[in-house]
Amino acid sequence: MSNQTIAIILIALVVVIIPAIVGGRLASLRGRNPLLWGTACGIFPIFLLVSWFNKPIKEVPGGFRICPGCKEWIRWKDPSCRYCGAEQASSESRSA
């Protein structure tokens, strides 16, 4: 392989593949289609910002859940809601 071929492969890796993987992972944590969002992020890396700031569409164990007090999305591991301060049920009791 020539140096030019290696450079093209590295550019493709950085510009297309890594944003696609990160975008797909962000989408799966928010209950969205990881294949669709990964493809969109690979083609248009600006979609990484969109997928980062998107609210989840459903509860994802280990990702996000809805606060029972104010109905805002919070991270699964947070012990209390950052919006209303309501204490959250422990992860063990929610998954059972």
PDB file of N, CA and C in Angstrom:
ATOM      1  N   MET A   1       0.840  -1.185   0.000  1.00  0.00           N
ATOM      2  CA  MET A   1       0.000   0.000   0.000  1.00  0.00           C
ATOM      3  C   MET A   1       0.881   1.243   0.000  1.00  0.00           C
ATOM      4  N   SER A   2       0.479   2.178  -0.807  1.00  0.00           N
ATOM      5  CA  SER A   2       1.252   3.414  -0.863  1.00  0.00           C
ATOM      6  C   SER A   2       0.828   4.345   0.266  1.00  0.00           C
ATOM      7  N   ASN A   3       1.631   5.350   0.495  1.00  0.00           N
ATOM      8  CA  ASN A   3       1.328   6.321   1.551  1.00  0.00           C
ATOM      9  C   ASN A   3       0.032   7.076   1.265  1.00  0.00           C
ATOM     10  N   GLN A   4      -0.259   7.293  -0.010  1.00  0.00           N
ATOM     11  CA  GLN A   4      -1.477   8.007  -0.370  1.00  0.00           C
ATOM     12  C   GLN A   4      -2.714   7.170  -0.040  1.00  0.00           C
ATOM     13  N   THR A   5      -2.658   5.877  -0.258  1.00  0.00           N
ATOM     14  CA  THR A   5      -3.770   4.988   0.059  1.00  0.00           C
ATOM     15  C   THR A   5      -4.005   4.945   1.565  1.00  0.00           C
ATOM     16  N   ILE A   6      -2.940   4.867   2.328  1.00  0.00           N
ATOM     17  CA  ILE A   6      -3.059   4.858   3.783  1.00  0.00           C
ATOM     18  C   ILE A   6      -3.652   6.170   4.277  1.00  0.00           C
ATOM     19  N   ALA A   7      -3.260   7.279   3.685  1.00  0.00           N
ATOM     20  CA  ALA A   7      -3.802   8.580   4.072  1.00  0.00           C
ATOM     21  C   ALA A   7      -5.298   8.660   3.778  1.00  0.00           C
ATOM     22  N   ILE A   8      -5.727   8.138   2.641  1.00  0.00           N
ATOM     23  CA  ILE A   8      -7.154   8.147   2.292  1.00  0.00           C
ATOM     24  C   ILE A   8      -7.953   7.286   3.266  1.00  0.00           C
ATOM     25  N   ILE A   9      -7.420   6.139   3.646  1.00  0.00           N
ATOM     26  CA  ILE A   9      -8.099   5.263   4.605  1.00  0.00           C
ATOM     27  C   ILE A   9      -8.204   5.940   5.969  1.00  0.00           C
ATOM     28  N   LEU A  10      -7.155   6.594   6.418  1.00  0.00           N
ATOM     29  CA  LEU A  10      -7.191   7.288   7.699  1.00  0.00           C
ATOM     30  C   LEU A  10      -8.173   8.455   7.683  1.00  0.00           C
ATOM     31  N   ILE A  11      -8.231   9.174   6.583  1.00  0.00           N
ATOM     32  CA  ILE A  11      -9.190  10.280   6.464  1.00  0.00           C
ATOM     33  C   ILE A  11     -10.615   9.740   6.494  1.00  0.00           C
ATOM     34  N   ALA A  12     -10.867   8.641   5.795  1.00  0.00           N
ATOM     35  CA  ALA A  12     -12.202   8.032   5.814  1.00  0.00           C
ATOM     36  C   ALA A  12     -12.564   7.570   7.213  1.00  0.00           C
ATOM     37  N   LEU A  13     -11.590   7.030   7.928  1.00  0.00           N
ATOM     38  CA  LEU A  13     -11.837   6.582   9.290  1.00  0.00           C
ATOM     39  C   LEU A  13     -12.225   7.738  10.194  1.00  0.00           C
ATOM     40  N   VAL A  14     -11.496   8.819  10.120  1.00  0.00           N
ATOM     41  CA  VAL A  14     -11.735   9.963  11.000  1.00  0.00           C
ATOM     42  C   VAL A  14     -12.990  10.725  10.598  1.00  0.00           C
ATOM     43  N   VAL A  15     -13.208  10.918   9.306  1.00  0.00           N
ATOM     44  CA  VAL A  15     -14.290  11.780   8.841  1.00  0.00           C
ATOM     45  C   VAL A  15     -15.629  11.049   8.745  1.00  0.00           C
ATOM     46  N   VAL A  16     -15.641   9.761   8.472  1.00  0.00           N
ATOM     47  CA  VAL A  16     -16.902   9.058   8.238  1.00  0.00           C
ATOM     48  C   VAL A  16     -17.200   8.009   9.308  1.00  0.00           C
ATOM     49  N   ILE A  17     -16.279   7.119   9.550  1.00  0.00           N
ATOM     50  CA  ILE A  17     -16.574   5.956  10.383  1.00  0.00           C
ATOM     51  C   ILE A  17     -16.719   6.319  11.850  1.00  0.00           C
ATOM     52  N   ILE A  18     -15.823   7.101  12.397  1.00  0.00           N
ATOM     53  CA  ILE A  18     -15.907   7.457  13.815  1.00  0.00           C
ATOM     54  C   ILE A  18     -17.172   8.256  14.130  1.00  0.00           C
ATOM     55  N   PRO A  19     -17.532   9.295  13.346  1.00  0.00           N
ATOM     56  CA  PRO A  19     -18.809   9.970  13.626  1.00  0.00           C
ATOM     57  C   PRO A  19     -20.019   9.047  13.489  1.00  0.00           C
ATOM     58  N   ALA A  20     -19.968   8.095  12.558  1.00  0.00           N
ATOM     59  CA  ALA A  20     -21.076   7.159  12.400  1.00  0.00           C
ATOM     60  C   ALA A  20     -21.235   6.279  13.638  1.00  0.00           C
ATOM     61  N   ILE A  21     -20.136   5.792  14.181  1.00  0.00           N
ATOM     62  CA  ILE A  21     -20.195   4.946  15.369  1.00  0.00           C
ATOM     63  C   ILE A  21     -20.675   5.746  16.583  1.00  0.00           C
ATOM     64  N   VAL A  22     -20.129   6.934  16.766  1.00  0.00           N
ATOM     65  CA  VAL A  22     -20.524   7.775  17.906  1.00  0.00           C
ATOM     66  C   VAL A  22     -21.996   8.180  17.781  1.00  0.00           C
ATOM     67  N   GLY A  23     -22.427   8.561  16.582  1.00  0.00           N
ATOM     68  CA  GLY A  23     -23.826   8.937  16.369  1.00  0.00           C
ATOM     69  C   GLY A  23     -24.780   7.788  16.607  1.00  0.00           C
ATOM     70  N   GLY A  24     -24.412   6.604  16.169  1.00  0.00           N
ATOM     71  CA  GLY A  24     -25.246   5.425  16.413  1.00  0.00           C
ATOM     72  C   GLY A  24     -25.354   5.097  17.892  1.00  0.00           C
ATOM     73  N   ARG A  25     -24.265   5.251  18.613  1.00  0.00           N
ATOM     74  CA  ARG A  25     -24.275   4.992  20.059  1.00  0.00           C
ATOM     75  C   ARG A  25     -25.127   6.019  20.796  1.00  0.00           C
ATOM     76  N   LEU A  26     -24.992   7.286  20.438  1.00  0.00           N
ATOM     77  CA  LEU A  26     -25.821   8.323  21.052  1.00  0.00           C
ATOM     78  C   LEU A  26     -27.299   8.070  20.785  1.00  0.00           C
ATOM     79  N   ALA A  27     -27.618   7.669  19.567  1.00  0.00           N
ATOM     80  CA  ALA A  27     -29.015   7.401  19.217  1.00  0.00           C
ATOM     81  C   ALA A  27     -29.567   6.222  20.012  1.00  0.00           C
ATOM     82  N   SER A  28     -28.782   5.171  20.174  1.00  0.00           N
ATOM     83  CA  SER A  28     -29.272   4.006  20.908  1.00  0.00           C
ATOM     84  C   SER A  28     -29.492   4.322  22.381  1.00  0.00           C
ATOM     85  N   LEU A  29     -28.687   5.217  22.944  1.00  0.00           N
ATOM     86  CA  LEU A  29     -28.888   5.623  24.339  1.00  0.00           C
ATOM     87  C   LEU A  29     -30.150   6.455  24.524  1.00  0.00           C
ATOM     88  N   ARG A  30     -30.660   7.022  23.445  1.00  0.00           N
ATOM     89  CA  ARG A  30     -31.854   7.853  23.512  1.00  0.00           C
ATOM     90  C   ARG A  30     -33.082   7.158  22.928  1.00  0.00           C
ATOM     91  N   GLY A  31     -32.986   5.867  22.678  1.00  0.00           N
ATOM     92  CA  GLY A  31     -34.120   5.100  22.196  1.00  0.00           C
ATOM     93  C   GLY A  31     -34.443   5.331  20.730  1.00  0.00           C
ATOM     94  N   ARG A  32     -33.496   5.786  19.963  1.00  0.00           N
ATOM     95  CA  ARG A  32     -33.700   6.052  18.536  1.00  0.00           C
ATOM     96  C   ARG A  32     -33.001   4.985  17.701  1.00  0.00           C
ATOM     97  N   ASN A  33     -33.232   4.994  16.406  1.00  0.00           N
ATOM     98  CA  ASN A  33     -32.677   4.010  15.493  1.00  0.00           C
ATOM     99  C   ASN A  33     -31.174   4.263  15.295  1.00  0.00           C
ATOM    100  N   PRO A  34     -30.303   3.397  15.813  1.00  0.00           N
ATOM    101  CA  PRO A  34     -28.865   3.648  15.699  1.00  0.00           C
ATOM    102  C   PRO A  34     -28.332   3.539  14.269  1.00  0.00           C
ATOM    103  N   LEU A  35     -28.922   2.680  13.438  1.00  0.00           N
ATOM    104  CA  LEU A  35     -28.459   2.547  12.059  1.00  0.00           C
ATOM    105  C   LEU A  35     -28.751   3.815  11.265  1.00  0.00           C
ATOM    106  N   LEU A  36     -29.950   4.332  11.398  1.00  0.00           N
ATOM    107  CA  LEU A  36     -30.326   5.552  10.681  1.00  0.00           C
ATOM    108  C   LEU A  36     -29.488   6.743  11.140  1.00  0.00           C
ATOM    109  N   TRP A  37     -29.374   6.915  12.459  1.00  0.00           N
ATOM    110  CA  TRP A  37     -28.614   8.055  12.979  1.00  0.00           C
ATOM    111  C   TRP A  37     -27.120   7.893  12.743  1.00  0.00           C
ATOM    112  N   GLY A  38     -26.613   6.660  12.794  1.00  0.00           N
ATOM    113  CA  GLY A  38     -25.207   6.427  12.494  1.00  0.00           C
ATOM    114  C   GLY A  38     -24.874   6.760  11.052  1.00  0.00           C
ATOM    115  N   THR A  39     -25.777   6.384  10.139  1.00  0.00           N
ATOM    116  CA  THR A  39     -25.583   6.719   8.734  1.00  0.00           C
ATOM    117  C   THR A  39     -25.616   8.224   8.517  1.00  0.00           C
ATOM    118  N   ALA A  40     -26.596   8.884   9.135  1.00  0.00           N
ATOM    119  CA  ALA A  40     -26.706  10.344   8.999  1.00  0.00           C
ATOM    120  C   ALA A  40     -25.467  11.041   9.557  1.00  0.00           C
ATOM    121  N   CYS A  41     -24.971  10.580  10.691  1.00  0.00           N
ATOM    122  CA  CYS A  41     -23.776  11.189  11.290  1.00  0.00           C
ATOM    123  C   CYS A  41     -22.524  10.897  10.483  1.00  0.00           C
ATOM    124  N   GLY A  42     -22.470   9.749   9.818  1.00  0.00           N
ATOM    125  CA  GLY A  42     -21.328   9.438   8.972  1.00  0.00           C
ATOM    126  C   GLY A  42     -21.281  10.309   7.728  1.00  0.00           C
ATOM    127  N   ILE A  43     -22.464  10.566   7.147  1.00  0.00           N
ATOM    128  CA  ILE A  43     -22.515  11.388   5.939  1.00  0.00           C
ATOM    129  C   ILE A  43     -22.403  12.872   6.276  1.00  0.00           C
ATOM    130  N   PHE A  44     -23.141  13.290   7.308  1.00  0.00           N
ATOM    131  CA  PHE A  44     -23.147  14.694   7.735  1.00  0.00           C
ATOM    132  C   PHE A  44     -22.766  14.753   9.216  1.00  0.00           C
ATOM    133  N   PRO A  45     -21.495  14.930   9.551  1.00  0.00           N
ATOM    134  CA  PRO A  45     -21.061  14.894  10.951  1.00  0.00           C
ATOM    135  C   PRO A  45     -21.738  15.934  11.859  1.00  0.00           C
ATOM    136  N   ILE A  46     -22.366  16.956  11.298  1.00  0.00           N
ATOM    137  CA  ILE A  46     -23.064  17.937  12.117  1.00  0.00           C
ATOM    138  C   ILE A  46     -24.240  17.287  12.858  1.00  0.00           C
ATOM    139  N   PHE A  47     -24.728  16.155  12.350  1.00  0.00           N
ATOM    140  CA  PHE A  47     -25.807  15.446  13.021  1.00  0.00           C
ATOM    141  C   PHE A  47     -25.382  14.880  14.379  1.00  0.00           C
ATOM    142  N   LEU A  48     -24.076  14.841  14.649  1.00  0.00           N
ATOM    143  CA  LEU A  48     -23.621  14.461  15.990  1.00  0.00           C
ATOM    144  C   LEU A  48     -24.184  15.429  17.032  1.00  0.00           C
ATOM    145  N   LEU A  49     -24.175  16.707  16.717  1.00  0.00           N
ATOM    146  CA  LEU A  49     -24.740  17.694  17.638  1.00  0.00           C
ATOM    147  C   LEU A  49     -26.246  17.502  17.798  1.00  0.00           C
ATOM    148  N   VAL A  50     -26.909  17.207  16.702  1.00  0.00           N
ATOM    149  CA  VAL A  50     -28.357  16.978  16.759  1.00  0.00           C
ATOM    150  C   VAL A  50     -28.665  15.779  17.641  1.00  0.00           C
ATOM    151  N   SER A  51     -27.940  14.687  17.452  1.00  0.00           N
ATOM    152  CA  SER A  51     -28.201  13.489  18.248  1.00  0.00           C
ATOM    153  C   SER A  51     -27.795  13.683  19.710  1.00  0.00           C
ATOM    154  N   TRP A  52     -26.801  14.531  19.973  1.00  0.00           N
ATOM    155  CA  TRP A  52     -26.391  14.804  21.353  1.00  0.00           C
ATOM    156  C   TRP A  52     -27.470  15.577  22.104  1.00  0.00           C
ATOM    157  N   PHE A  53     -28.080  16.569  21.453  1.00  0.00           N
ATOM    158  CA  PHE A  53     -29.059  17.425  22.112  1.00  0.00           C
ATOM    159  C   PHE A  53     -30.499  16.939  21.977  1.00  0.00           C
ATOM    160  N   ASN A  54     -30.739  15.862  21.226  1.00  0.00           N
ATOM    161  CA  ASN A  54     -32.086  15.303  21.113  1.00  0.00           C
ATOM    162  C   ASN A  54     -32.522  14.700  22.435  1.00  0.00           C
ATOM    163  N   LYS A  55     -33.771  14.930  22.784  1.00  0.00           N
ATOM    164  CA  LYS A  55     -34.313  14.268  23.961  1.00  0.00           C
ATOM    165  C   LYS A  55     -34.690  12.840  23.582  1.00  0.00           C
ATOM    166  N   PRO A  56     -34.662  11.943  24.546  1.00  0.00           N
ATOM    167  CA  PRO A  56     -35.055  10.560  24.258  1.00  0.00           C
ATOM    168  C   PRO A  56     -36.536  10.481  23.865  1.00  0.00           C
ATOM    169  N   ILE A  57     -36.896   9.424  23.136  1.00  0.00           N
ATOM    170  CA  ILE A  57     -38.292   9.233  22.778  1.00  0.00           C
ATOM    171  C   ILE A  57     -38.959   8.183  23.668  1.00  0.00           C
ATOM    172  N   LYS A  58     -38.165   7.436  24.415  1.00  0.00           N
ATOM    173  CA  LYS A  58     -38.684   6.452  25.359  1.00  0.00           C
ATOM    174  C   LYS A  58     -37.637   6.227  26.440  1.00  0.00           C
ATOM    175  N   GLU A  59     -38.067   5.614  27.549  1.00  0.00           N
ATOM    176  CA  GLU A  59     -37.115   5.308  28.614  1.00  0.00           C
ATOM    177  C   GLU A  59     -36.166   4.220  28.140  1.00  0.00           C
ATOM    178  N   VAL A  60     -34.886   4.428  28.417  1.00  0.00           N
ATOM    179  CA  VAL A  60     -33.851   3.467  28.050  1.00  0.00           C
ATOM    180  C   VAL A  60     -33.126   3.082  29.331  1.00  0.00           C
ATOM    181  N   PRO A  61     -33.274   1.818  29.808  1.00  0.00           N
ATOM    182  CA  PRO A  61     -32.567   1.413  31.019  1.00  0.00           C
ATOM    183  C   PRO A  61     -31.072   1.646  30.891  1.00  0.00           C
ATOM    184  N   GLY A  62     -30.515   2.323  31.867  1.00  0.00           N
ATOM    185  CA  GLY A  62     -29.104   2.652  31.844  1.00  0.00           C
ATOM    186  C   GLY A  62     -28.814   3.955  31.123  1.00  0.00           C
ATOM    187  N   GLY A  63     -29.814   4.537  30.472  1.00  0.00           N
ATOM    188  CA  GLY A  63     -29.628   5.776  29.720  1.00  0.00           C
ATOM    189  C   GLY A  63     -30.419   6.926  30.328  1.00  0.00           C
ATOM    190  N   PHE A  64     -31.695   6.998  29.983  1.00  0.00           N
ATOM    191  CA  PHE A  64     -32.550   8.083  30.436  1.00  0.00           C
ATOM    192  C   PHE A  64     -33.873   7.540  30.953  1.00  0.00           C
ATOM    193  N   ARG A  65     -34.511   8.320  31.830  1.00  0.00           N
ATOM    194  CA  ARG A  65     -35.839   8.004  32.331  1.00  0.00           C
ATOM    195  C   ARG A  65     -36.595   9.309  32.587  1.00  0.00           C
ATOM    196  N   ILE A  66     -37.891   9.191  32.790  1.00  0.00           N
ATOM    197  CA  ILE A  66     -38.737  10.359  33.033  1.00  0.00           C
ATOM    198  C   ILE A  66     -38.885  10.555  34.535  1.00  0.00           C
ATOM    199  N   CYS A  67     -38.721  11.801  34.980  1.00  0.00           N
ATOM    200  CA  CYS A  67     -38.931  12.129  36.392  1.00  0.00           C
ATOM    201  C   CYS A  67     -40.428  12.035  36.687  1.00  0.00           C
ATOM    202  N   PRO A  68     -40.809  11.321  37.737  1.00  0.00           N
ATOM    203  CA  PRO A  68     -42.234  11.219  38.056  1.00  0.00           C
ATOM    204  C   PRO A  68     -42.823  12.538  38.580  1.00  0.00           C
ATOM    205  N   GLY A  69     -41.961  13.442  39.029  1.00  0.00           N
ATOM    206  CA  GLY A  69     -42.459  14.706  39.566  1.00  0.00           C
ATOM    207  C   GLY A  69     -42.753  15.743  38.506  1.00  0.00           C
ATOM    208  N   CYS A  70     -41.781  16.016  37.644  1.00  0.00           N
ATOM    209  CA  CYS A  70     -41.933  17.107  36.671  1.00  0.00           C
ATOM    210  C   CYS A  70     -42.013  16.627  35.227  1.00  0.00           C
ATOM    211  N   LYS A  71     -41.868  15.317  34.999  1.00  0.00           N
ATOM    212  CA  LYS A  71     -41.964  14.705  33.668  1.00  0.00           C
ATOM    213  C   LYS A  71     -40.856  15.143  32.702  1.00  0.00           C
ATOM    214  N   GLU A  72     -39.713  15.573  33.220  1.00  0.00           N
ATOM    215  CA  GLU A  72     -38.553  15.899  32.392  1.00  0.00           C
ATOM    216  C   GLU A  72     -37.658  14.667  32.265  1.00  0.00           C
ATOM    217  N   TRP A  73     -36.860  14.620  31.214  1.00  0.00           N
ATOM    218  CA  TRP A  73     -35.921  13.520  31.015  1.00  0.00           C
ATOM    219  C   TRP A  73     -34.684  13.750  31.874  1.00  0.00           C
ATOM    220  N   ILE A  74     -34.300  12.722  32.616  1.00  0.00           N
ATOM    221  CA  ILE A  74     -33.091  12.789  33.437  1.00  0.00           C
ATOM    222  C   ILE A  74     -32.261  11.538  33.169  1.00  0.00           C
ATOM    223  N   ARG A  75     -30.998  11.602  33.523  1.00  0.00           N
ATOM    224  CA  ARG A  75     -30.133  10.435  33.357  1.00  0.00           C
ATOM    225  C   ARG A  75     -30.552   9.354  34.341  1.00  0.00           C
ATOM    226  N   TRP A  76     -30.392   8.121  33.915  1.00  0.00           N
ATOM    227  CA  TRP A  76     -30.842   6.980  34.711  1.00  0.00           C
ATOM    228  C   TRP A  76     -30.132   6.924  36.059  1.00  0.00           C
ATOM    229  N   LYS A  77     -28.852   7.286  36.099  1.00  0.00           N
ATOM    230  CA  LYS A  77     -28.064   7.126  37.322  1.00  0.00           C
ATOM    231  C   LYS A  77     -28.237   8.271  38.312  1.00  0.00           C
ATOM    232  N   ASP A  78     -28.915   9.370  37.928  1.00  0.00           N
ATOM    233  CA  ASP A  78     -29.087  10.505  38.837  1.00  0.00           C
ATOM    234  C   ASP A  78     -29.992  10.124  40.005  1.00  0.00           C
ATOM    235  N   PRO A  79     -29.571  10.386  41.238  1.00  0.00           N
ATOM    236  CA  PRO A  79     -30.403  10.032  42.393  1.00  0.00           C
ATOM    237  C   PRO A  79     -31.586  10.976  42.583  1.00  0.00           C
ATOM    238  N   SER A  80     -31.482  12.202  42.064  1.00  0.00           N
ATOM    239  CA  SER A  80     -32.597  13.139  42.165  1.00  0.00           C
ATOM    240  C   SER A  80     -32.694  13.938  40.867  1.00  0.00           C
ATOM    241  N   CYS A  81     -33.869  14.495  40.633  1.00  0.00           N
ATOM    242  CA  CYS A  81     -34.112  15.266  39.414  1.00  0.00           C
ATOM    243  C   CYS A  81     -33.402  16.615  39.519  1.00  0.00           C
ATOM    244  N   ARG A  82     -32.718  17.011  38.468  1.00  0.00           N
ATOM    245  CA  ARG A  82     -32.018  18.289  38.492  1.00  0.00           C
ATOM    246  C   ARG A  82     -32.969  19.455  38.250  1.00  0.00           C
ATOM    247  N   TYR A  83     -34.188  19.188  37.807  1.00  0.00           N
ATOM    248  CA  TYR A  83     -35.155  20.244  37.543  1.00  0.00           C
ATOM    249  C   TYR A  83     -36.028  20.541  38.758  1.00  0.00           C
ATOM    250  N   CYS A  84     -36.583  19.486  39.376  1.00  0.00           N
ATOM    251  CA  CYS A  84     -37.504  19.712  40.496  1.00  0.00           C
ATOM    252  C   CYS A  84     -36.956  19.228  41.833  1.00  0.00           C
ATOM    253  N   GLY A  85     -35.856  18.459  41.821  1.00  0.00           N
ATOM    254  CA  GLY A  85     -35.243  17.981  43.049  1.00  0.00           C
ATOM    255  C   GLY A  85     -35.895  16.740  43.635  1.00  0.00           C
ATOM    256  N   ALA A  86     -36.855  16.140  42.932  1.00  0.00           N
ATOM    257  CA  ALA A  86     -37.538  14.949  43.442  1.00  0.00           C
ATOM    258  C   ALA A  86     -36.567  13.777  43.502  1.00  0.00           C
ATOM    259  N   GLU A  87     -36.622  13.039  44.605  1.00  0.00           N
ATOM    260  CA  GLU A  87     -35.791  11.848  44.743  1.00  0.00           C
ATOM    261  C   GLU A  87     -36.309  10.774  43.804  1.00  0.00           C
ATOM    262  N   GLN A  88     -35.394  10.041  43.190  1.00  0.00           N
ATOM    263  CA  GLN A  88     -35.754   8.989  42.241  1.00  0.00           C
ATOM    264  C   GLN A  88     -35.656   7.638  42.902  1.00  0.00           C
ATOM    265  N   ALA A  89     -36.472   6.693  42.427  1.00  0.00           N
ATOM    266  CA  ALA A  89     -36.389   5.321  42.916  1.00  0.00           C
ATOM    267  C   ALA A  89     -35.056   4.747  42.485  1.00  0.00           C
ATOM    268  N   SER A  90     -34.517   3.831  43.268  1.00  0.00           N
ATOM    269  CA  SER A  90     -33.223   3.243  42.928  1.00  0.00           C
ATOM    270  C   SER A  90     -33.337   2.425  41.656  1.00  0.00           C
ATOM    271  N   SER A  91     -32.239   2.225  40.976  1.00  0.00           N
ATOM    272  CA  SER A  91     -32.211   1.495  39.711  1.00  0.00           C
ATOM    273  C   SER A  91     -32.676   0.050  39.887  1.00  0.00           C
ATOM    274  N   GLU A  92     -32.364  -0.557  41.036  1.00  0.00           N
ATOM    275  CA  GLU A  92     -32.739  -1.944  41.266  1.00  0.00           C
ATOM    276  C   GLU A  92     -34.245  -2.093  41.341  1.00  0.00           C
ATOM    277  N   SER A  93     -34.936  -1.142  42.012  1.00  0.00           N
ATOM    278  CA  SER A  93     -36.379  -1.263  42.162  1.00  0.00           C
ATOM    279  C   SER A  93     -37.102  -0.918  40.873  1.00  0.00           C
ATOM    280  N   ARG A  94     -36.525  -0.072  40.019  1.00  0.00           N
ATOM    281  CA  ARG A  94     -37.153   0.301  38.745  1.00  0.00           C
ATOM    282  C   ARG A  94     -37.042  -0.807  37.717  1.00  0.00           C
ATOM    283  N   SER A  95     -35.947  -1.573  37.757  1.00  0.00           N
ATOM    284  CA  SER A  95     -35.766  -2.619  36.764  1.00  0.00           C
ATOM    285  C   SER A  95     -36.520  -3.884  37.128  1.00  0.00           C
ATOM    286  N   ALA A  96     -36.939  -4.024  38.361  1.00  0.00           N
ATOM    287  CA  ALA A  96     -37.660  -5.231  38.795  1.00  0.00           C
ATOM    288  C   ALA A  96     -39.109  -5.184  38.414  1.00  0.00           C
TER     289      ALA A  96
END
